[in-house]
Amino acid sequence: MADTQWARFEVFLQEKAGAPHLDVGSVHAMDPELALQNARDVFARRPDCVSLWVCPVEQIFIRTKQELEEWEPGQIPSGGPREAYYIFCKFKSAGTAELVGEVQAGSPQAALIQAKQGYAAGNSPFVWWVVPVQAVTRSEPEDIDPMFKPAYEKPFRHSSYYHVITAMREAKKEIPDES
């Protein structure tokens, strides 16, 4: 049986200008633009958001602290054109990956080595993510109002509100039908 799932995209959200982008989860979509729209609908309905990024999961080079302990630096491809990579780190086991910087490298592996030298700063992350900048589809600053403002205008219903609806349905059942 053929796989019927759309491609999976990792979602990164920035709550306010100047804050780092954080990994918030993933969505499935046919293409990056639809992934960005799905990400907005899933992850930016209520929290503050000024920027969303999506990246195909298969483009992300991920290594855990344990994997790096066994990693042989000789396995790193050399040469090739240099490109920009975003570096994300997860510093707590229960935390989320956070953007810590950007490097230029010839491969994701080389980018990880550079990142370890420049961004660990005495703190050993549980997980490193290396994301090619060119693989990221992002919302633009002019998208803030059309993409994120409508969520603020939607009425918020706290879960305690819903008992009123249930009570009203029960009350209606007790009213005799006059037909």
N, C-alpha and C. Protein backbone atom coordinates (compact mmCIF):
# COMPACT_ATOMS: atom_id res chain seq x y z
N MET A 1 0.85 -1.18 0.00
CA MET A 1 0.00 0.00 0.00
C MET A 1 0.90 1.25 0.00
N ALA A 2 0.58 2.19 -0.83
CA ALA A 2 1.37 3.43 -0.93
C ALA A 2 1.12 4.32 0.27
N ASP A 3 2.14 5.07 0.66
CA ASP A 3 2.01 6.02 1.75
C ASP A 3 1.12 7.17 1.29
N THR A 4 0.13 7.50 2.10
CA THR A 4 -0.80 8.56 1.73
C THR A 4 -0.56 9.84 2.53
N GLN A 5 0.47 9.85 3.36
CA GLN A 5 0.78 11.04 4.14
C GLN A 5 1.45 12.10 3.27
N TRP A 6 1.10 13.34 3.52
CA TRP A 6 1.85 14.43 2.90
C TRP A 6 3.19 14.53 3.61
N ALA A 7 4.09 15.29 3.04
CA ALA A 7 5.40 15.50 3.65
C ALA A 7 5.24 16.17 5.01
N ARG A 8 6.19 15.89 5.91
CA ARG A 8 6.16 16.48 7.25
C ARG A 8 7.12 17.66 7.31
N PHE A 9 6.66 18.75 7.89
CA PHE A 9 7.43 19.97 8.05
C PHE A 9 7.55 20.31 9.52
N GLU A 10 8.75 20.64 9.95
CA GLU A 10 8.95 21.10 11.32
C GLU A 10 8.59 22.58 11.37
N VAL A 11 7.99 23.01 12.50
CA VAL A 11 7.49 24.37 12.64
C VAL A 11 8.28 25.09 13.73
N PHE A 12 8.71 26.32 13.41
CA PHE A 12 9.43 27.16 14.35
C PHE A 12 8.66 28.47 14.50
N LEU A 13 8.40 28.88 15.73
CA LEU A 13 7.58 30.05 16.03
C LEU A 13 8.40 31.08 16.80
N GLN A 14 8.24 32.34 16.44
CA GLN A 14 8.85 33.45 17.17
C GLN A 14 7.72 34.25 17.79
N GLU A 15 7.70 34.34 19.13
CA GLU A 15 6.59 35.01 19.81
C GLU A 15 6.62 36.52 19.70
N LYS A 16 7.81 37.11 19.76
CA LYS A 16 7.91 38.56 19.62
C LYS A 16 9.25 38.90 18.97
N ALA A 17 9.31 40.08 18.39
CA ALA A 17 10.53 40.51 17.70
C ALA A 17 11.71 40.44 18.65
N GLY A 18 12.82 39.88 18.17
CA GLY A 18 14.01 39.76 18.98
C GLY A 18 14.12 38.47 19.77
N ALA A 19 13.02 37.78 19.96
CA ALA A 19 13.03 36.48 20.65
C ALA A 19 13.51 35.41 19.67
N PRO A 20 14.09 34.33 20.18
CA PRO A 20 14.52 33.27 19.26
C PRO A 20 13.33 32.49 18.71
N HIS A 21 13.53 31.91 17.55
CA HIS A 21 12.52 30.98 17.04
C HIS A 21 12.63 29.69 17.84
N LEU A 22 11.50 29.11 18.18
CA LEU A 22 11.43 27.87 18.94
C LEU A 22 10.73 26.80 18.13
N ASP A 23 11.20 25.57 18.25
CA ASP A 23 10.50 24.44 17.63
C ASP A 23 9.21 24.21 18.41
N VAL A 24 8.08 24.17 17.70
CA VAL A 24 6.80 23.96 18.38
C VAL A 24 6.10 22.67 17.94
N GLY A 25 6.64 21.97 16.95
CA GLY A 25 6.01 20.74 16.49
C GLY A 25 6.11 20.60 14.99
N SER A 26 5.23 19.80 14.43
CA SER A 26 5.28 19.59 12.99
C SER A 26 3.88 19.52 12.41
N VAL A 27 3.81 19.73 11.10
CA VAL A 27 2.56 19.62 10.35
C VAL A 27 2.85 18.84 9.07
N HIS A 28 1.81 18.30 8.49
CA HIS A 28 1.91 17.63 7.20
C HIS A 28 1.29 18.55 6.14
N ALA A 29 1.92 18.61 4.98
CA ALA A 29 1.40 19.46 3.91
C ALA A 29 1.96 19.00 2.57
N MET A 30 1.28 19.44 1.49
CA MET A 30 1.72 19.11 0.13
C MET A 30 2.95 19.90 -0.27
N ASP A 31 3.07 21.14 0.23
CA ASP A 31 4.17 22.00 -0.15
C ASP A 31 4.47 22.97 1.00
N PRO A 32 5.58 23.71 0.93
CA PRO A 32 5.95 24.61 2.03
C PRO A 32 4.93 25.71 2.32
N GLU A 33 4.30 26.26 1.29
CA GLU A 33 3.32 27.32 1.52
C GLU A 33 2.11 26.81 2.31
N LEU A 34 1.63 25.63 1.93
CA LEU A 34 0.52 25.03 2.67
C LEU A 34 0.97 24.66 4.09
N ALA A 35 2.21 24.23 4.23
CA ALA A 35 2.74 23.92 5.56
C ALA A 35 2.73 25.16 6.44
N LEU A 36 3.07 26.30 5.87
CA LEU A 36 3.07 27.55 6.63
C LEU A 36 1.64 27.90 7.08
N GLN A 37 0.68 27.71 6.19
CA GLN A 37 -0.72 27.98 6.56
C GLN A 37 -1.21 27.00 7.63
N ASN A 38 -0.86 25.72 7.46
CA ASN A 38 -1.25 24.72 8.46
C ASN A 38 -0.60 25.04 9.81
N ALA A 39 0.66 25.46 9.77
CA ALA A 39 1.36 25.81 11.01
C ALA A 39 0.67 26.97 11.71
N ARG A 40 0.25 27.95 10.95
CA ARG A 40 -0.48 29.07 11.54
C ARG A 40 -1.75 28.59 12.22
N ASP A 41 -2.51 27.74 11.53
CA ASP A 41 -3.78 27.26 12.08
C ASP A 41 -3.58 26.41 13.31
N VAL A 42 -2.50 25.63 13.36
CA VAL A 42 -2.28 24.71 14.47
C VAL A 42 -1.56 25.38 15.65
N PHE A 43 -0.54 26.18 15.36
CA PHE A 43 0.34 26.66 16.43
C PHE A 43 0.22 28.14 16.76
N ALA A 44 -0.48 28.93 15.95
CA ALA A 44 -0.51 30.37 16.21
C ALA A 44 -1.93 30.90 16.37
N ARG A 45 -2.84 30.09 16.82
CA ARG A 45 -4.20 30.58 17.02
C ARG A 45 -4.32 31.44 18.26
N ARG A 46 -3.65 31.07 19.33
CA ARG A 46 -3.76 31.81 20.58
C ARG A 46 -2.48 32.49 21.03
N PRO A 47 -1.32 31.83 20.95
CA PRO A 47 -0.14 32.51 21.50
C PRO A 47 0.30 33.67 20.61
N ASP A 48 1.07 34.57 21.20
CA ASP A 48 1.63 35.65 20.40
C ASP A 48 2.56 35.05 19.36
N CYS A 49 2.56 35.65 18.19
CA CYS A 49 3.41 35.16 17.11
C CYS A 49 3.67 36.30 16.14
N VAL A 50 4.95 36.50 15.80
CA VAL A 50 5.30 37.50 14.79
C VAL A 50 5.98 36.86 13.59
N SER A 51 6.39 35.58 13.74
CA SER A 51 7.07 34.92 12.64
C SER A 51 6.93 33.41 12.76
N LEU A 52 6.68 32.77 11.65
CA LEU A 52 6.64 31.31 11.57
C LEU A 52 7.60 30.86 10.49
N TRP A 53 8.29 29.77 10.77
CA TRP A 53 9.15 29.12 9.78
C TRP A 53 8.72 27.67 9.68
N VAL A 54 8.83 27.10 8.49
CA VAL A 54 8.64 25.66 8.30
C VAL A 54 9.81 25.13 7.47
N CYS A 55 10.18 23.88 7.74
CA CYS A 55 11.27 23.25 7.01
C CYS A 55 10.95 21.76 6.85
N PRO A 56 11.15 21.20 5.67
CA PRO A 56 10.94 19.75 5.53
C PRO A 56 11.82 18.99 6.53
N VAL A 57 11.23 18.06 7.24
CA VAL A 57 11.93 17.33 8.28
C VAL A 57 13.18 16.63 7.75
N GLU A 58 13.10 16.10 6.53
CA GLU A 58 14.26 15.36 6.00
C GLU A 58 15.46 16.27 5.72
N GLN A 59 15.26 17.59 5.72
CA GLN A 59 16.36 18.53 5.52
C GLN A 59 17.13 18.83 6.81
N ILE A 60 16.56 18.45 7.95
CA ILE A 60 17.17 18.79 9.25
C ILE A 60 18.14 17.71 9.68
N PHE A 61 19.38 18.10 9.97
CA PHE A 61 20.41 17.19 10.45
C PHE A 61 20.37 17.26 11.97
N ILE A 62 20.05 16.13 12.61
CA ILE A 62 19.85 16.09 14.06
C ILE A 62 20.83 15.12 14.68
N ARG A 63 21.46 15.54 15.77
CA ARG A 63 22.33 14.66 16.54
C ARG A 63 22.10 14.89 18.02
N THR A 64 21.97 13.80 18.75
CA THR A 64 21.82 13.87 20.20
C THR A 64 23.19 13.90 20.86
N LYS A 65 23.20 14.24 22.11
CA LYS A 65 24.44 14.26 22.90
C LYS A 65 25.11 12.89 22.85
N GLN A 66 24.34 11.82 22.98
CA GLN A 66 24.88 10.46 22.95
C GLN A 66 25.46 10.12 21.57
N GLU A 67 24.76 10.50 20.52
CA GLU A 67 25.27 10.23 19.17
C GLU A 67 26.59 10.96 18.92
N LEU A 68 26.72 12.16 19.45
CA LEU A 68 27.94 12.92 19.25
C LEU A 68 29.13 12.32 20.00
N GLU A 69 28.86 11.65 21.11
CA GLU A 69 29.94 11.00 21.84
C GLU A 69 30.58 9.88 21.02
N GLU A 70 29.81 9.26 20.13
CA GLU A 70 30.30 8.16 19.29
C GLU A 70 30.65 8.61 17.88
N TRP A 71 30.45 9.87 17.59
CA TRP A 71 30.61 10.40 16.24
C TRP A 71 32.08 10.55 15.89
N GLU A 72 32.46 10.06 14.73
CA GLU A 72 33.83 10.16 14.22
C GLU A 72 33.94 11.39 13.33
N PRO A 73 34.78 12.36 13.70
CA PRO A 73 34.92 13.56 12.84
C PRO A 73 35.38 13.24 11.43
N GLY A 74 36.03 12.09 11.21
CA GLY A 74 36.47 11.72 9.87
C GLY A 74 35.32 11.44 8.92
N GLN A 75 34.11 11.33 9.44
CA GLN A 75 32.94 11.04 8.61
C GLN A 75 32.38 12.29 7.95
N ILE A 76 33.00 13.43 8.17
CA ILE A 76 32.48 14.69 7.67
C ILE A 76 32.91 14.91 6.22
N PRO A 77 31.93 15.13 5.32
CA PRO A 77 32.29 15.43 3.93
C PRO A 77 33.06 16.75 3.87
N SER A 78 34.09 16.80 3.05
CA SER A 78 34.86 18.04 2.92
C SER A 78 34.58 18.66 1.56
N GLY A 79 34.87 19.94 1.47
CA GLY A 79 34.69 20.65 0.20
C GLY A 79 33.23 20.98 -0.05
N GLY A 80 32.96 21.32 -1.27
CA GLY A 80 31.60 21.69 -1.67
C GLY A 80 31.33 23.15 -1.38
N PRO A 81 30.30 23.68 -1.99
CA PRO A 81 29.98 25.09 -1.76
C PRO A 81 29.49 25.30 -0.32
N ARG A 82 29.83 26.45 0.24
CA ARG A 82 29.40 26.78 1.59
C ARG A 82 28.00 27.37 1.53
N GLU A 83 27.23 27.07 2.53
CA GLU A 83 25.90 27.65 2.63
C GLU A 83 25.59 27.94 4.09
N ALA A 84 24.53 28.70 4.31
CA ALA A 84 24.14 29.10 5.66
C ALA A 84 23.28 28.01 6.30
N TYR A 85 23.52 27.79 7.59
CA TYR A 85 22.75 26.84 8.38
C TYR A 85 22.32 27.51 9.68
N TYR A 86 21.04 27.32 10.04
CA TYR A 86 20.57 27.73 11.36
C TYR A 86 20.95 26.63 12.34
N ILE A 87 21.32 27.03 13.55
CA ILE A 87 21.66 26.09 14.60
C ILE A 87 20.62 26.19 15.72
N PHE A 88 20.00 25.07 16.02
CA PHE A 88 19.03 24.98 17.11
C PHE A 88 19.59 24.03 18.15
N CYS A 89 19.37 24.35 19.42
CA CYS A 89 19.79 23.48 20.52
C CYS A 89 18.63 23.25 21.46
N LYS A 90 18.60 22.05 22.01
CA LYS A 90 17.65 21.71 23.06
C LYS A 90 18.49 21.50 24.32
N PHE A 91 18.35 22.41 25.29
CA PHE A 91 19.21 22.41 26.47
C PHE A 91 18.64 21.61 27.64
N LYS A 92 17.33 21.37 27.64
CA LYS A 92 16.70 20.61 28.72
C LYS A 92 16.01 19.40 28.10
N SER A 93 16.02 18.29 28.82
CA SER A 93 15.41 17.08 28.25
C SER A 93 13.93 17.28 27.97
N ALA A 94 13.25 18.08 28.76
CA ALA A 94 11.82 18.32 28.55
C ALA A 94 11.57 19.62 27.80
N GLY A 95 12.63 20.26 27.34
CA GLY A 95 12.48 21.55 26.67
C GLY A 95 12.22 21.42 25.18
N THR A 96 12.40 22.53 24.50
CA THR A 96 12.20 22.59 23.06
C THR A 96 13.47 23.11 22.41
N ALA A 97 13.64 22.83 21.14
CA ALA A 97 14.81 23.32 20.42
C ALA A 97 14.66 24.82 20.18
N GLU A 98 15.75 25.54 20.40
CA GLU A 98 15.76 27.00 20.32
C GLU A 98 16.87 27.45 19.37
N LEU A 99 16.56 28.44 18.53
CA LEU A 99 17.56 28.99 17.62
C LEU A 99 18.65 29.68 18.43
N VAL A 100 19.90 29.24 18.22
CA VAL A 100 21.02 29.85 18.94
C VAL A 100 21.97 30.60 18.02
N GLY A 101 21.88 30.38 16.71
CA GLY A 101 22.76 31.09 15.80
C GLY A 101 22.73 30.56 14.39
N GLU A 102 23.70 31.01 13.62
CA GLU A 102 23.80 30.65 12.20
C GLU A 102 25.28 30.50 11.86
N VAL A 103 25.61 29.53 11.02
CA VAL A 103 26.99 29.32 10.57
C VAL A 103 27.00 29.12 9.06
N GLN A 104 28.18 29.31 8.46
CA GLN A 104 28.41 29.02 7.05
C GLN A 104 29.28 27.78 7.00
N ALA A 105 28.87 26.77 6.23
CA ALA A 105 29.64 25.53 6.16
C ALA A 105 29.38 24.83 4.84
N GLY A 106 30.24 23.84 4.55
CA GLY A 106 30.12 23.08 3.31
C GLY A 106 29.19 21.89 3.42
N SER A 107 28.78 21.54 4.65
CA SER A 107 27.86 20.42 4.87
C SER A 107 27.20 20.58 6.23
N PRO A 108 26.09 19.89 6.46
CA PRO A 108 25.46 19.96 7.78
C PRO A 108 26.40 19.46 8.89
N GLN A 109 27.20 18.44 8.57
CA GLN A 109 28.13 17.90 9.56
C GLN A 109 29.18 18.94 9.94
N ALA A 110 29.72 19.64 8.94
CA ALA A 110 30.71 20.68 9.21
C ALA A 110 30.07 21.84 9.98
N ALA A 111 28.81 22.13 9.67
CA ALA A 111 28.09 23.18 10.40
C ALA A 111 27.94 22.80 11.86
N LEU A 112 27.69 21.53 12.12
CA LEU A 112 27.55 21.07 13.50
C LEU A 112 28.85 21.23 14.27
N ILE A 113 29.96 20.90 13.64
CA ILE A 113 31.26 21.05 14.32
C ILE A 113 31.50 22.53 14.66
N GLN A 114 31.22 23.41 13.71
CA GLN A 114 31.37 24.85 13.98
C GLN A 114 30.46 25.28 15.11
N ALA A 115 29.23 24.80 15.08
CA ALA A 115 28.25 25.18 16.10
C ALA A 115 28.69 24.73 17.49
N LYS A 116 29.21 23.51 17.57
CA LYS A 116 29.66 23.00 18.87
C LYS A 116 30.77 23.88 19.43
N GLN A 117 31.63 24.39 18.58
CA GLN A 117 32.73 25.25 19.02
C GLN A 117 32.24 26.64 19.41
N GLY A 118 31.21 27.13 18.74
CA GLY A 118 30.78 28.51 18.97
C GLY A 118 29.57 28.71 19.85
N TYR A 119 28.70 27.71 19.96
CA TYR A 119 27.43 27.94 20.64
C TYR A 119 27.21 27.11 21.90
N ALA A 120 28.06 26.16 22.19
CA ALA A 120 27.85 25.34 23.38
C ALA A 120 28.12 26.14 24.65
N ALA A 121 29.15 26.97 24.66
CA ALA A 121 29.48 27.89 25.75
C ALA A 121 29.33 27.25 27.13
N GLY A 122 29.95 26.10 27.33
CA GLY A 122 29.92 25.45 28.64
C GLY A 122 28.64 24.70 28.93
N ASN A 123 27.64 24.87 28.10
CA ASN A 123 26.36 24.20 28.28
C ASN A 123 26.24 23.12 27.19
N SER A 124 26.18 21.88 27.58
CA SER A 124 26.14 20.80 26.61
C SER A 124 24.69 20.45 26.25
N PRO A 125 24.24 20.84 25.07
CA PRO A 125 22.85 20.57 24.68
C PRO A 125 22.55 19.07 24.59
N PHE A 126 21.30 18.73 24.85
CA PHE A 126 20.84 17.35 24.69
C PHE A 126 20.72 16.99 23.21
N VAL A 127 20.33 17.98 22.40
CA VAL A 127 20.12 17.75 20.97
C VAL A 127 20.58 18.97 20.19
N TRP A 128 21.22 18.72 19.06
CA TRP A 128 21.61 19.75 18.09
C TRP A 128 20.79 19.55 16.83
N TRP A 129 20.27 20.64 16.28
CA TRP A 129 19.60 20.61 14.99
C TRP A 129 20.34 21.57 14.06
N VAL A 130 20.64 21.10 12.86
CA VAL A 130 21.27 21.93 11.83
C VAL A 130 20.28 22.03 10.67
N VAL A 131 19.83 23.24 10.40
CA VAL A 131 18.76 23.47 9.42
C VAL A 131 19.29 24.36 8.29
N PRO A 132 19.29 23.87 7.05
CA PRO A 132 19.74 24.72 5.93
C PRO A 132 18.81 25.94 5.78
N VAL A 133 19.38 27.12 5.79
CA VAL A 133 18.59 28.34 5.68
C VAL A 133 17.74 28.31 4.41
N GLN A 134 18.32 27.82 3.30
CA GLN A 134 17.58 27.81 2.02
C GLN A 134 16.38 26.87 2.04
N ALA A 135 16.31 25.95 3.00
CA ALA A 135 15.18 25.01 3.07
C ALA A 135 14.02 25.55 3.90
N VAL A 136 14.21 26.70 4.52
CA VAL A 136 13.18 27.28 5.39
C VAL A 136 12.25 28.18 4.58
N THR A 137 10.96 27.96 4.77
CA THR A 137 9.94 28.87 4.22
C THR A 137 9.43 29.66 5.41
N ARG A 138 9.39 30.96 5.27
CA ARG A 138 9.07 31.81 6.42
C ARG A 138 7.97 32.81 6.10
N SER A 139 7.26 33.19 7.15
CA SER A 139 6.32 34.29 7.00
C SER A 139 7.13 35.58 6.90
N GLU A 140 6.56 36.59 6.33
CA GLU A 140 7.24 37.87 6.15
C GLU A 140 6.66 38.88 7.13
N PRO A 141 7.40 39.93 7.46
CA PRO A 141 6.88 40.93 8.40
C PRO A 141 5.52 41.51 7.98
N GLU A 142 5.32 41.69 6.69
CA GLU A 142 4.03 42.22 6.23
C GLU A 142 2.89 41.21 6.38
N ASP A 143 3.23 39.95 6.73
CA ASP A 143 2.21 38.92 6.94
C ASP A 143 1.65 38.91 8.35
N ILE A 144 2.24 39.70 9.26
CA ILE A 144 1.83 39.63 10.67
C ILE A 144 0.34 39.87 10.82
N ASP A 145 -0.19 40.98 10.29
CA ASP A 145 -1.62 41.25 10.45
C ASP A 145 -2.51 40.22 9.76
N PRO A 146 -2.32 39.95 8.46
CA PRO A 146 -3.23 39.00 7.83
C PRO A 146 -3.11 37.57 8.36
N MET A 147 -1.91 37.17 8.81
CA MET A 147 -1.75 35.79 9.27
C MET A 147 -2.11 35.59 10.74
N PHE A 148 -1.75 36.53 11.59
CA PHE A 148 -1.85 36.29 13.02
C PHE A 148 -2.91 37.11 13.74
N LYS A 149 -3.28 38.27 13.23
CA LYS A 149 -4.26 39.12 13.91
C LYS A 149 -5.65 38.49 14.01
N PRO A 150 -6.14 37.78 13.00
CA PRO A 150 -7.49 37.21 13.13
C PRO A 150 -7.69 36.35 14.37
N ALA A 151 -6.64 35.72 14.86
CA ALA A 151 -6.76 34.88 16.05
C ALA A 151 -7.13 35.70 17.28
N TYR A 152 -6.70 36.96 17.33
CA TYR A 152 -7.01 37.79 18.48
C TYR A 152 -8.48 38.18 18.53
N GLU A 153 -9.13 38.16 17.37
CA GLU A 153 -10.53 38.57 17.32
C GLU A 153 -11.49 37.42 17.59
N LYS A 154 -10.99 36.21 17.67
CA LYS A 154 -11.85 35.06 17.96
C LYS A 154 -12.14 35.00 19.45
N PRO A 155 -13.40 34.79 19.83
CA PRO A 155 -13.71 34.73 21.27
C PRO A 155 -13.05 33.50 21.90
N PHE A 156 -12.49 33.73 23.07
CA PHE A 156 -11.88 32.63 23.81
C PHE A 156 -12.91 32.06 24.75
N ARG A 157 -13.05 30.77 24.76
CA ARG A 157 -13.97 30.09 25.67
C ARG A 157 -13.15 29.23 26.60
N HIS A 158 -13.17 29.58 27.85
CA HIS A 158 -12.47 28.77 28.85
C HIS A 158 -13.25 27.47 29.01
N SER A 159 -12.56 26.40 29.37
CA SER A 159 -13.22 25.09 29.47
C SER A 159 -14.35 25.10 30.49
N SER A 160 -14.28 25.97 31.50
CA SER A 160 -15.37 26.03 32.49
C SER A 160 -16.67 26.55 31.88
N TYR A 161 -16.60 27.22 30.73
CA TYR A 161 -17.77 27.74 30.05
C TYR A 161 -18.67 26.62 29.53
N TYR A 162 -18.09 25.53 29.13
CA TYR A 162 -18.84 24.50 28.43
C TYR A 162 -19.86 23.77 29.30
N HIS A 163 -19.74 23.80 30.61
CA HIS A 163 -20.76 23.15 31.44
C HIS A 163 -22.10 23.85 31.28
N VAL A 164 -22.11 25.15 30.94
CA VAL A 164 -23.34 25.89 30.73
C VAL A 164 -24.08 25.31 29.53
N ILE A 165 -23.40 25.01 28.48
CA ILE A 165 -24.03 24.44 27.29
C ILE A 165 -24.66 23.10 27.62
N THR A 166 -23.93 22.26 28.34
CA THR A 166 -24.46 20.95 28.73
C THR A 166 -25.70 21.12 29.61
N ALA A 167 -25.65 22.03 30.54
CA ALA A 167 -26.80 22.27 31.42
C ALA A 167 -28.01 22.75 30.63
N MET A 168 -27.80 23.59 29.64
CA MET A 168 -28.91 24.08 28.82
C MET A 168 -29.52 22.94 28.01
N ARG A 169 -28.71 22.05 27.48
CA ARG A 169 -29.25 20.92 26.73
C ARG A 169 -30.10 20.03 27.64
N GLU A 170 -29.62 19.82 28.85
CA GLU A 170 -30.40 19.01 29.80
C GLU A 170 -31.72 19.68 30.15
N ALA A 171 -31.70 21.00 30.32
CA ALA A 171 -32.91 21.75 30.64
C ALA A 171 -33.93 21.66 29.50
N LYS A 172 -33.44 21.73 28.26
CA LYS A 172 -34.33 21.64 27.11
C LYS A 172 -35.01 20.28 27.04
N LYS A 173 -34.32 19.24 27.47
CA LYS A 173 -34.90 17.89 27.44
C LYS A 173 -36.08 17.79 28.42
N GLU A 174 -36.03 18.57 29.49
CA GLU A 174 -37.08 18.52 30.52
C GLU A 174 -38.31 19.32 30.14
N ILE A 175 -38.21 20.21 29.14
CA ILE A 175 -39.35 21.01 28.71
C ILE A 175 -40.24 20.13 27.82
N PRO A 176 -41.53 20.04 28.16
CA PRO A 176 -42.42 19.20 27.34
C PRO A 176 -42.53 19.73 25.91
N ASP A 177 -42.59 18.81 24.98
CA ASP A 177 -42.72 19.18 23.58
C ASP A 177 -44.16 19.59 23.32
N GLU A 178 -44.38 20.77 22.78
CA GLU A 178 -45.74 21.30 22.57
C GLU A 178 -46.26 21.03 21.17
N SER A 179 -45.65 20.16 20.42
CA SER A 179 -46.13 19.94 19.07
C SER A 179 -47.19 18.90 19.00
